[in-house]
Amino acid sequence: MPVSSTVAVAQKRIFAMSAEIWDEVARTIAKQSPCPRAQVGAVIFRADRKAVLSTGYNGQARKSESILCGGSCCDRDRLGIPSGERIEIGCIHAEINAIANAVYEGIALADACIVITAPPCLMCSKMIIQSGIKTVYYRGGQRWTSTGEDYLSAHGVQLISLGR
């Protein structure tokens, strides 16, 4: 194998290892979520520098006095809202928190990658595109009804499933 091919293969392997490592970090960060319905984490990173830019988990707004979106309970559970519907009700998603945390700190996200412990919804997908993130790694499962994957693909964002 030519040297340039060997380097390319090594770079792909290192990049994949980075996504797996950041996925572990995202799953740890998800544990900070107070949501009884689902704990989701997100890590935004630069693959070329192997550096974390921002993190987020699903939860309440910064400086909120209540722990959950409904005060002492999850509004989505109380109202019986299925995953993927009525996204305006409930907590702030992990992806939006990670993007907002980067903005709050003045960190540019152009060409960055994000690892999410759940598939992105349509609103989060729009935020991902607008922030300049180019690659999304995500975990799926039967619990999730996602509307964001097709939207991301249609707008040139690379999607990579990490399984369930």
Protein backbone atom coordinates (compact mmCIF):
# COMPACT_ATOMS: atom_id res chain seq x y z
CA MET A 1 0.00 0.00 0.00
CA PRO A 2 1.45 3.43 -0.91
CA VAL A 3 2.39 5.72 1.98
CA SER A 4 -0.36 8.23 1.14
CA SER A 5 -2.97 5.43 1.27
CA THR A 6 -1.60 4.17 4.57
CA VAL A 7 -1.80 7.68 6.05
CA ALA A 8 -5.37 8.11 4.76
CA VAL A 9 -6.42 4.79 6.34
CA ALA A 10 -4.76 5.74 9.64
CA GLN A 11 -6.46 9.15 9.61
CA LYS A 12 -9.88 7.53 9.03
CA ARG A 13 -9.26 5.10 11.91
CA ILE A 14 -8.22 7.94 14.26
CA PHE A 15 -11.26 9.98 13.21
CA ALA A 16 -13.58 7.02 13.90
CA MET A 17 -11.92 6.49 17.29
CA SER A 18 -12.49 10.15 18.10
CA ALA A 19 -16.21 9.85 17.36
CA GLU A 20 -16.44 6.77 19.56
CA ILE A 21 -14.60 8.52 22.38
CA TRP A 22 -16.78 11.64 22.11
CA ASP A 23 -19.84 9.36 22.07
CA GLU A 24 -18.75 8.00 25.45
CA VAL A 25 -18.35 11.57 26.69
CA ALA A 26 -21.81 12.48 25.35
CA ARG A 27 -23.36 9.51 27.15
CA THR A 28 -21.69 10.64 30.38
CA ILE A 29 -22.88 14.23 29.90
CA ALA A 30 -26.42 12.96 29.27
CA LYS A 31 -26.49 11.73 32.87
CA GLN A 32 -26.60 15.38 33.99
CA SER A 33 -30.07 15.78 32.48
CA PRO A 34 -32.82 15.93 35.08
CA CYS A 35 -35.44 14.77 32.54
CA PRO A 36 -37.30 11.62 33.61
CA ARG A 37 -38.38 10.98 30.01
CA ALA A 38 -34.96 10.76 28.35
CA GLN A 39 -31.42 11.81 29.07
CA VAL A 40 -29.64 13.04 25.94
CA GLY A 41 -26.10 14.37 25.61
CA ALA A 42 -24.21 16.12 22.82
CA VAL A 43 -20.54 16.89 22.23
CA ILE A 44 -19.32 19.25 19.52
CA PHE A 45 -15.72 18.66 18.51
CA ARG A 46 -13.10 19.33 15.88
CA ALA A 47 -11.89 16.12 14.29
CA ASP A 48 -8.72 17.72 12.93
CA ARG A 49 -7.60 18.86 16.39
CA LYS A 50 -9.33 16.25 18.52
CA ALA A 51 -10.65 19.09 20.68
CA VAL A 52 -14.03 19.47 22.38
CA LEU A 53 -15.67 22.78 21.52
CA SER A 54 -18.87 22.48 23.53
CA THR A 55 -21.20 20.09 25.31
CA GLY A 56 -24.87 20.03 26.19
CA TYR A 57 -27.63 17.91 27.64
CA ASN A 58 -31.40 18.22 27.55
CA GLY A 59 -32.68 20.40 30.33
CA GLN A 60 -34.06 23.74 31.36
CA ALA A 61 -32.97 27.18 30.25
CA ARG A 62 -29.95 28.82 31.82
CA LYS A 63 -30.92 30.47 35.13
CA SER A 64 -34.26 28.62 35.26
CA GLU A 65 -35.57 28.14 38.76
CA SER A 66 -37.37 24.88 38.01
CA ILE A 67 -35.64 21.58 37.37
CA LEU A 68 -38.10 20.25 34.79
CA CYS A 69 -40.01 21.87 31.93
CA GLY A 70 -43.25 21.49 33.87
CA GLY A 71 -41.79 22.58 37.19
CA SER A 72 -41.97 19.31 39.12
CA CYS A 73 -42.86 17.06 36.17
CA CYS A 74 -42.14 16.65 32.46
CA ASP A 75 -44.75 18.56 30.42
CA ARG A 76 -44.37 16.14 27.52
CA ASP A 77 -45.17 13.17 29.76
CA ARG A 78 -48.03 15.00 31.46
CA LEU A 79 -49.57 15.90 28.09
CA GLY A 80 -48.82 12.51 26.49
CA ILE A 81 -46.81 14.01 23.61
CA PRO A 82 -44.97 11.39 21.53
CA SER A 83 -41.32 11.78 20.56
CA GLY A 84 -40.84 13.90 17.45
CA GLU A 85 -44.09 15.86 17.86
CA ARG A 86 -44.81 19.31 19.33
CA ILE A 87 -41.13 20.03 19.89
CA GLU A 88 -41.95 23.50 21.21
CA ILE A 89 -43.12 21.84 24.43
CA GLY A 90 -40.52 20.47 26.79
CA CYS A 91 -36.91 21.06 27.70
CA ILE A 92 -34.13 22.48 25.56
CA HIS A 93 -32.57 19.67 23.55
CA ALA A 94 -28.95 18.64 24.06
CA GLU A 95 -27.91 19.78 20.56
CA ILE A 96 -29.38 23.25 21.03
CA ASN A 97 -27.76 23.54 24.47
CA ALA A 98 -24.37 22.51 23.04
CA ILE A 99 -24.68 25.05 20.20
CA ALA A 100 -25.92 27.77 22.58
CA ASN A 101 -23.08 27.04 25.02
CA ALA A 102 -20.57 27.50 22.19
CA VAL A 103 -22.21 30.78 21.17
CA TYR A 104 -22.23 31.95 24.79
CA GLU A 105 -18.46 31.36 24.93
CA GLY A 106 -17.81 32.87 21.47
CA ILE A 107 -16.74 29.57 19.87
CA ALA A 108 -17.18 29.19 16.10
CA LEU A 109 -18.61 25.84 14.98
CA ALA A 110 -17.95 26.00 11.23
CA ASP A 111 -16.92 22.56 9.91
CA ALA A 112 -17.21 20.97 13.36
CA CYS A 113 -18.69 17.56 14.21
CA ILE A 114 -21.37 16.74 16.77
CA VAL A 115 -22.07 13.47 18.57
CA ILE A 116 -25.60 13.06 19.92
CA THR A 117 -26.93 10.20 22.02
CA ALA A 118 -30.26 10.32 20.12
CA PRO A 119 -31.30 11.16 16.55
CA PRO A 120 -31.78 14.91 15.99
CA CYS A 121 -35.28 16.35 15.63
CA LEU A 122 -36.10 18.76 12.83
CA MET A 123 -35.58 21.90 14.93
CA CYS A 124 -32.18 20.70 16.17
CA SER A 125 -31.25 19.75 12.59
CA LYS A 126 -31.97 23.31 11.48
CA MET A 127 -29.77 24.67 14.27
CA ILE A 128 -27.00 22.23 13.33
CA ILE A 129 -27.07 23.40 9.72
CA GLN A 130 -27.18 27.08 10.63
CA SER A 131 -24.27 26.72 13.06
CA GLY A 132 -22.00 25.31 10.35
CA ILE A 133 -21.61 21.79 11.77
CA LYS A 134 -20.76 19.46 8.90
CA THR A 135 -20.91 15.96 10.43
CA VAL A 136 -23.46 14.43 12.81
CA TYR A 137 -22.85 11.17 14.67
CA TYR A 138 -25.90 9.88 16.47
CA ARG A 139 -27.41 6.92 18.27
CA GLY A 140 -30.88 5.66 17.45
CA GLY A 141 -33.41 3.30 18.88
CA GLN A 142 -37.04 2.35 18.82
CA ARG A 143 -37.91 5.07 21.32
CA TRP A 144 -37.06 7.89 18.95
CA THR A 145 -39.15 9.32 16.13
CA SER A 146 -36.70 11.58 14.35
CA THR A 147 -37.55 13.99 11.60
CA GLY A 148 -34.11 15.49 11.23
CA GLU A 149 -31.99 12.98 9.33
CA ASP A 150 -33.53 13.60 5.90
CA TYR A 151 -33.33 17.36 6.41
CA LEU A 152 -29.65 17.20 7.35
CA SER A 153 -28.82 14.96 4.38
CA ALA A 154 -30.70 17.24 2.00
CA HIS A 155 -28.57 20.15 3.22
CA GLY A 156 -25.18 18.48 2.83
CA VAL A 157 -24.55 17.43 6.42
CA GLN A 158 -22.90 14.03 6.73
CA LEU A 159 -24.82 11.63 8.99
CA ILE A 160 -23.16 8.67 10.66
CA SER A 161 -25.17 6.27 12.80
CA LEU A 162 -23.37 4.87 15.83
CA GLY A 163 -26.03 2.20 16.32
CA ARG A 164 -28.41 1.94 19.24
